[in-house]
Every structure is written in structure tokens, then in C-alpha cells.
């Protein structure tokens, strides 16, 4: 199944992530789904868009903006699929839960906050 988002939703996603970066705060998947008004299957659509963005950032050797999106749960970490994606990108190795994942994620968030991303065209 191919999952797509509109150009308008993609640009809105980039805008939301940039605002979060500038304000130095994290977003939940639920908040992003609501703000972007993603249609069903919203979580799969958002996950696919975030994985695509992570691949673009990795290719450009930038910190991964998708790290700014976390679960609402107590872990305050991204979903396991995020970690599977960053393992494929060669950015992290290890289980998606536990101290190593939390430590890597915290460091990546700091890198995102401190990086000045070029404006997307």
C-alpha cells in the first residue's frame, strides 16, 4: 500500500517541525495528526512522511527532524518504527526501548534544536 500526503500537508509538516525546533519543544504524533488534518490511515501516513524526512535529512548529513515527534506515553520517545528507520539509515544501533535509545534520542533532539536548517523550496 502506497501512502502519500499532499504538498500542502508536507509543507505544513515541515512548518510544524521548524516551529517546534525554534521553540525547543517536542510534538506528539497525535498533535501533528490533528494539526495536519491527516486522513485515515493518519498514523501510517505521518510515519511514512517522517521516515521520508529522516531519509532526506540523513542523506544531507543533517540531524533528523523526525526526532522531534514522540509518543504521548510515559517513555516520551518516538515509536519503535522511528528507531527501526534510524537503524536502517545507519544513525543508531540497538533496541528501540531502553537507555541506549533514550540517550541517543535525547542527543539527537539537542542536535536538531541547535542546527539551522535551510528553507525548503
N, C-alpha and C. Protein backbone atom coordinates (compact mmCIF):
# COMPACT_ATOMS: atom_id res chain seq x y z
N UNK A 1 0.85 -1.18 0.00
CA UNK A 1 0.00 0.00 0.00
C UNK A 1 0.89 1.24 0.00
N UNK A 2 0.63 2.12 -0.92
CA UNK A 2 1.39 3.36 -1.01
C UNK A 2 0.68 4.44 -0.20
N UNK A 3 1.47 5.15 0.61
CA UNK A 3 0.90 6.20 1.45
C UNK A 3 1.47 7.53 0.99
N UNK A 4 0.58 8.48 0.76
CA UNK A 4 1.01 9.79 0.27
C UNK A 4 0.35 10.89 1.08
N UNK A 5 1.05 12.02 1.15
CA UNK A 5 0.43 13.22 1.69
C UNK A 5 0.53 14.31 0.63
N UNK A 6 -0.35 15.27 0.73
CA UNK A 6 -0.36 16.35 -0.25
C UNK A 6 0.84 17.26 -0.02
N UNK A 7 1.15 18.03 -1.02
CA UNK A 7 2.25 19.01 -0.90
C UNK A 7 1.95 19.99 0.23
N UNK A 8 0.69 20.38 0.36
CA UNK A 8 0.28 21.30 1.41
C UNK A 8 0.51 20.67 2.79
N UNK A 9 0.17 19.40 2.94
CA UNK A 9 0.40 18.72 4.22
C UNK A 9 1.89 18.56 4.50
N UNK A 10 2.68 18.26 3.46
CA UNK A 10 4.13 18.14 3.61
C UNK A 10 4.73 19.46 4.09
N UNK A 11 4.33 20.54 3.44
CA UNK A 11 4.82 21.86 3.83
C UNK A 11 4.38 22.22 5.25
N UNK A 12 3.15 21.84 5.60
CA UNK A 12 2.65 22.08 6.96
C UNK A 12 3.46 21.27 7.98
N UNK A 13 3.82 20.03 7.62
CA UNK A 13 4.64 19.20 8.50
C UNK A 13 6.00 19.87 8.73
N UNK A 14 6.63 20.31 7.66
CA UNK A 14 7.93 20.99 7.79
C UNK A 14 7.81 22.24 8.64
N UNK A 15 6.72 22.98 8.46
CA UNK A 15 6.49 24.20 9.25
C UNK A 15 6.33 23.87 10.73
N UNK A 16 5.52 22.87 11.04
CA UNK A 16 5.30 22.47 12.44
C UNK A 16 6.61 22.03 13.10
N UNK A 17 7.42 21.27 12.37
CA UNK A 17 8.70 20.82 12.92
C UNK A 17 9.66 21.99 13.11
N UNK A 18 9.65 22.93 12.20
CA UNK A 18 10.52 24.10 12.32
C UNK A 18 10.09 24.96 13.52
N UNK A 19 8.80 25.13 13.71
CA UNK A 19 8.32 25.89 14.86
C UNK A 19 8.72 25.19 16.17
N UNK A 20 8.56 23.88 16.20
CA UNK A 20 8.96 23.12 17.40
C UNK A 20 10.45 23.26 17.65
N UNK A 21 11.24 23.20 16.58
CA UNK A 21 12.69 23.35 16.71
C UNK A 21 13.04 24.72 17.27
N UNK A 22 12.45 25.76 16.70
CA UNK A 22 12.75 27.11 17.17
C UNK A 22 12.33 27.34 18.62
N UNK A 23 11.20 26.74 19.00
CA UNK A 23 10.71 26.90 20.37
C UNK A 23 11.31 25.87 21.32
N UNK A 24 12.11 24.98 20.75
CA UNK A 24 12.80 23.94 21.52
C UNK A 24 11.82 23.08 22.33
N UNK A 25 10.83 22.56 21.61
CA UNK A 25 9.91 21.62 22.25
C UNK A 25 9.59 20.47 21.31
N UNK A 26 9.02 19.42 21.88
CA UNK A 26 8.69 18.22 21.13
C UNK A 26 7.20 18.20 20.81
N UNK A 27 6.83 17.46 19.79
CA UNK A 27 5.44 17.30 19.38
C UNK A 27 5.04 15.84 19.51
N UNK A 28 3.78 15.59 19.83
CA UNK A 28 3.31 14.20 19.84
C UNK A 28 2.76 13.85 18.46
N UNK A 29 2.75 12.56 18.17
CA UNK A 29 2.17 12.10 16.91
C UNK A 29 0.72 12.58 16.81
N UNK A 30 -0.04 12.45 17.91
CA UNK A 30 -1.45 12.83 17.90
C UNK A 30 -1.61 14.32 17.57
N UNK A 31 -0.80 15.18 18.19
CA UNK A 31 -0.90 16.61 17.93
C UNK A 31 -0.63 16.91 16.45
N UNK A 32 0.38 16.27 15.89
CA UNK A 32 0.70 16.51 14.48
C UNK A 32 -0.41 16.02 13.57
N UNK A 33 -0.97 14.87 13.86
CA UNK A 33 -2.07 14.34 13.04
C UNK A 33 -3.23 15.33 13.05
N UNK A 34 -3.55 15.86 14.23
CA UNK A 34 -4.65 16.81 14.33
C UNK A 34 -4.33 18.12 13.62
N UNK A 35 -3.13 18.64 13.82
CA UNK A 35 -2.77 19.92 13.19
C UNK A 35 -2.72 19.82 11.67
N UNK A 36 -2.24 18.68 11.18
CA UNK A 36 -2.11 18.49 9.73
C UNK A 36 -3.41 18.00 9.09
N UNK A 37 -4.37 17.62 9.94
CA UNK A 37 -5.65 17.09 9.46
C UNK A 37 -5.44 15.94 8.48
N UNK A 38 -4.61 14.99 8.89
CA UNK A 38 -4.31 13.85 8.02
C UNK A 38 -5.48 12.89 7.96
N UNK A 39 -5.79 12.40 6.77
CA UNK A 39 -6.89 11.43 6.63
C UNK A 39 -6.45 10.04 7.08
N UNK A 40 -7.41 9.19 7.31
CA UNK A 40 -7.15 7.80 7.67
C UNK A 40 -6.47 7.12 6.49
N UNK A 41 -5.45 6.33 6.71
CA UNK A 41 -4.81 5.95 7.98
C UNK A 41 -3.79 6.99 8.43
N UNK A 42 -4.17 7.87 9.31
CA UNK A 42 -3.37 9.03 9.68
C UNK A 42 -2.01 8.66 10.27
N UNK A 43 -1.97 7.70 11.18
CA UNK A 43 -0.69 7.35 11.80
C UNK A 43 0.28 6.77 10.78
N UNK A 44 -0.21 5.92 9.90
CA UNK A 44 0.67 5.35 8.87
C UNK A 44 1.16 6.44 7.91
N UNK A 45 0.28 7.37 7.59
CA UNK A 45 0.65 8.47 6.70
C UNK A 45 1.73 9.33 7.35
N UNK A 46 1.52 9.69 8.61
CA UNK A 46 2.51 10.50 9.32
C UNK A 46 3.83 9.76 9.45
N UNK A 47 3.77 8.49 9.82
CA UNK A 47 5.00 7.70 9.98
C UNK A 47 5.78 7.63 8.66
N UNK A 48 5.06 7.42 7.56
CA UNK A 48 5.73 7.35 6.25
C UNK A 48 6.38 8.70 5.91
N UNK A 49 5.67 9.80 6.19
CA UNK A 49 6.22 11.13 5.91
C UNK A 49 7.45 11.40 6.77
N UNK A 50 7.40 11.03 8.04
CA UNK A 50 8.54 11.24 8.94
C UNK A 50 9.73 10.38 8.54
N UNK A 51 9.47 9.16 8.09
CA UNK A 51 10.57 8.30 7.63
C UNK A 51 11.20 8.89 6.37
N UNK A 52 10.38 9.42 5.49
CA UNK A 52 10.91 10.05 4.27
C UNK A 52 11.77 11.26 4.65
N UNK A 53 11.28 12.07 5.57
CA UNK A 53 12.03 13.24 6.02
C UNK A 53 13.35 12.81 6.67
N UNK A 54 13.32 11.75 7.46
CA UNK A 54 14.55 11.25 8.10
C UNK A 54 15.56 10.83 7.03
N UNK A 55 15.08 10.17 5.98
CA UNK A 55 15.98 9.76 4.90
C UNK A 55 16.58 10.98 4.20
N UNK A 56 15.77 12.00 3.97
CA UNK A 56 16.28 13.23 3.34
C UNK A 56 17.32 13.90 4.23
N UNK A 57 17.02 14.00 5.53
CA UNK A 57 17.97 14.62 6.46
C UNK A 57 19.26 13.81 6.54
N UNK A 58 19.14 12.49 6.60
CA UNK A 58 20.33 11.64 6.68
C UNK A 58 21.19 11.79 5.43
N UNK A 59 20.55 11.82 4.27
CA UNK A 59 21.28 11.96 3.01
C UNK A 59 22.03 13.29 2.98
N UNK A 60 21.43 14.34 3.57
CA UNK A 60 22.06 15.66 3.60
C UNK A 60 22.98 15.82 4.82
N UNK A 61 23.16 14.74 5.57
CA UNK A 61 24.03 14.72 6.77
C UNK A 61 23.59 15.77 7.79
N UNK A 62 22.26 15.87 7.98
CA UNK A 62 21.70 16.79 8.97
C UNK A 62 21.10 15.98 10.12
N UNK A 63 20.94 16.61 11.29
CA UNK A 63 20.20 15.95 12.37
C UNK A 63 18.78 15.64 11.90
N UNK A 64 18.21 14.59 12.44
CA UNK A 64 16.91 14.11 11.98
C UNK A 64 15.76 14.85 12.66
N UNK A 65 15.09 15.70 11.90
CA UNK A 65 13.96 16.46 12.45
C UNK A 65 12.84 15.58 12.95
N UNK A 66 12.72 14.40 12.40
CA UNK A 66 11.66 13.49 12.83
C UNK A 66 11.83 13.08 14.30
N UNK A 67 13.01 13.31 14.87
CA UNK A 67 13.24 13.02 16.30
C UNK A 67 12.41 13.91 17.21
N UNK A 68 11.87 14.99 16.67
CA UNK A 68 11.06 15.91 17.48
C UNK A 68 9.66 15.38 17.75
N UNK A 69 9.30 14.27 17.11
CA UNK A 69 7.96 13.71 17.26
C UNK A 69 8.02 12.49 18.17
N UNK A 70 7.22 12.54 19.24
CA UNK A 70 7.27 11.49 20.26
C UNK A 70 5.88 10.96 20.57
N UNK A 71 5.86 9.84 21.25
CA UNK A 71 4.61 9.25 21.72
C UNK A 71 4.11 9.99 22.95
N UNK A 72 2.82 9.91 23.18
CA UNK A 72 2.23 10.54 24.36
C UNK A 72 2.55 9.79 25.64
N UNK A 73 2.93 8.53 25.50
CA UNK A 73 3.14 7.68 26.67
C UNK A 73 4.26 8.15 27.58
N UNK A 74 4.42 7.41 28.65
CA UNK A 74 5.39 7.77 29.68
C UNK A 74 6.83 7.80 29.17
N UNK A 75 7.13 7.03 28.13
CA UNK A 75 8.51 6.97 27.64
C UNK A 75 8.98 8.30 27.06
N UNK A 76 8.05 9.07 26.48
CA UNK A 76 8.38 10.33 25.81
C UNK A 76 9.42 10.11 24.69
N UNK A 77 9.38 8.94 24.10
CA UNK A 77 10.25 8.59 22.98
C UNK A 77 9.41 8.42 21.71
N UNK A 78 10.04 8.47 20.55
CA UNK A 78 9.33 8.13 19.33
C UNK A 78 8.88 6.67 19.35
N UNK A 79 8.00 6.35 18.45
CA UNK A 79 7.52 4.97 18.32
C UNK A 79 8.66 4.05 17.86
N UNK A 80 8.53 2.75 18.09
CA UNK A 80 9.59 1.82 17.66
C UNK A 80 9.93 1.92 16.18
N UNK A 81 8.97 2.23 15.33
CA UNK A 81 9.24 2.37 13.90
C UNK A 81 10.27 3.45 13.60
N UNK A 82 10.30 4.50 14.42
CA UNK A 82 11.31 5.56 14.24
C UNK A 82 12.70 4.96 14.41
N UNK A 83 12.86 4.17 15.47
CA UNK A 83 14.18 3.59 15.74
C UNK A 83 14.56 2.56 14.67
N UNK A 84 13.57 1.81 14.16
CA UNK A 84 13.85 0.88 13.07
C UNK A 84 14.34 1.65 11.85
N UNK A 85 13.72 2.80 11.60
CA UNK A 85 14.12 3.64 10.47
C UNK A 85 15.54 4.17 10.64
N UNK A 86 15.86 4.68 11.84
CA UNK A 86 17.21 5.24 12.03
C UNK A 86 18.28 4.17 12.05
N UNK A 87 17.92 2.95 12.42
CA UNK A 87 18.86 1.83 12.30
C UNK A 87 19.16 1.59 10.82
N UNK A 88 18.10 1.57 9.98
CA UNK A 88 18.30 1.38 8.52
C UNK A 88 19.15 2.49 7.93
N UNK A 89 19.02 3.70 8.49
CA UNK A 89 19.79 4.84 7.98
C UNK A 89 21.22 4.86 8.53
N UNK A 90 21.53 3.94 9.43
CA UNK A 90 22.88 3.87 9.99
C UNK A 90 23.15 4.91 11.06
N UNK A 91 22.11 5.48 11.64
CA UNK A 91 22.28 6.52 12.66
C UNK A 91 22.26 5.98 14.08
N UNK A 92 21.68 4.80 14.28
CA UNK A 92 21.54 4.22 15.62
C UNK A 92 21.58 2.71 15.48
N UNK A 93 22.14 2.06 16.50
CA UNK A 93 22.05 0.61 16.53
C UNK A 93 21.69 0.20 17.96
N UNK A 94 20.73 -0.68 18.05
CA UNK A 94 20.30 -1.14 19.36
C UNK A 94 18.79 -1.26 19.42
N UNK A 95 18.29 -1.73 20.55
CA UNK A 95 16.84 -1.89 20.71
C UNK A 95 16.15 -0.54 20.80
N UNK A 96 14.86 -0.52 20.42
CA UNK A 96 14.10 0.74 20.37
C UNK A 96 13.58 1.17 21.74
N UNK A 97 13.87 0.38 22.74
CA UNK A 97 13.49 0.78 24.10
C UNK A 97 14.72 0.63 24.98
N UNK A 98 14.75 1.36 26.05
CA UNK A 98 15.88 1.25 26.96
C UNK A 98 16.75 2.49 26.96
N UNK A 99 17.80 2.40 27.74
CA UNK A 99 18.68 3.53 28.00
C UNK A 99 19.40 4.00 26.74
N UNK A 100 19.89 3.08 25.93
CA UNK A 100 20.64 3.48 24.72
C UNK A 100 19.75 4.28 23.78
N UNK A 101 18.51 3.83 23.57
CA UNK A 101 17.59 4.53 22.68
C UNK A 101 17.25 5.90 23.25
N UNK A 102 16.97 5.97 24.54
CA UNK A 102 16.61 7.24 25.17
C UNK A 102 17.78 8.22 25.11
N UNK A 103 18.98 7.73 25.36
CA UNK A 103 20.16 8.58 25.33
C UNK A 103 20.44 9.09 23.92
N UNK A 104 20.37 8.19 22.92
CA UNK A 104 20.59 8.61 21.54
C UNK A 104 19.54 9.63 21.13
N UNK A 105 18.28 9.37 21.46
CA UNK A 105 17.20 10.28 21.09
C UNK A 105 17.40 11.66 21.71
N UNK A 106 17.75 11.71 22.99
CA UNK A 106 17.97 12.99 23.67
C UNK A 106 19.09 13.77 22.99
N UNK A 107 20.17 13.10 22.63
CA UNK A 107 21.28 13.77 21.95
C UNK A 107 20.87 14.25 20.56
N UNK A 108 20.07 13.46 19.85
CA UNK A 108 19.62 13.86 18.51
C UNK A 108 18.70 15.07 18.60
N UNK A 109 17.83 15.11 19.60
CA UNK A 109 16.94 16.27 19.78
C UNK A 109 17.76 17.53 20.00
N UNK A 110 18.80 17.46 20.82
CA UNK A 110 19.67 18.62 21.05
C UNK A 110 20.32 19.05 19.73
N UNK A 111 20.78 18.08 18.95
CA UNK A 111 21.39 18.40 17.65
C UNK A 111 20.39 19.11 16.74
N UNK A 112 19.14 18.64 16.74
CA UNK A 112 18.10 19.27 15.91
C UNK A 112 17.87 20.70 16.38
N UNK A 113 17.73 20.89 17.70
CA UNK A 113 17.49 22.23 18.25
C UNK A 113 18.61 23.20 17.86
N UNK A 114 19.83 22.71 17.79
CA UNK A 114 20.97 23.58 17.54
C UNK A 114 21.30 23.77 16.06
N UNK A 115 20.69 22.97 15.19
CA UNK A 115 21.01 23.03 13.76
C UNK A 115 20.11 24.06 13.07
N UNK A 116 20.68 24.79 12.13
CA UNK A 116 19.92 25.77 11.36
C UNK A 116 19.63 25.18 9.99
N UNK A 117 18.40 24.70 9.81
CA UNK A 117 18.01 24.04 8.56
C UNK A 117 17.79 25.07 7.46
N UNK A 118 18.20 24.74 6.25
CA UNK A 118 17.91 25.64 5.12
C UNK A 118 16.41 25.64 4.83
N UNK A 119 15.91 26.72 4.31
CA UNK A 119 14.50 26.76 3.96
C UNK A 119 14.24 25.82 2.80
N UNK A 120 13.12 25.09 2.92
CA UNK A 120 12.73 24.16 1.86
C UNK A 120 12.08 24.93 0.72
N UNK A 121 12.30 24.43 -0.47
CA UNK A 121 11.69 25.10 -1.64
C UNK A 121 10.54 24.27 -2.16
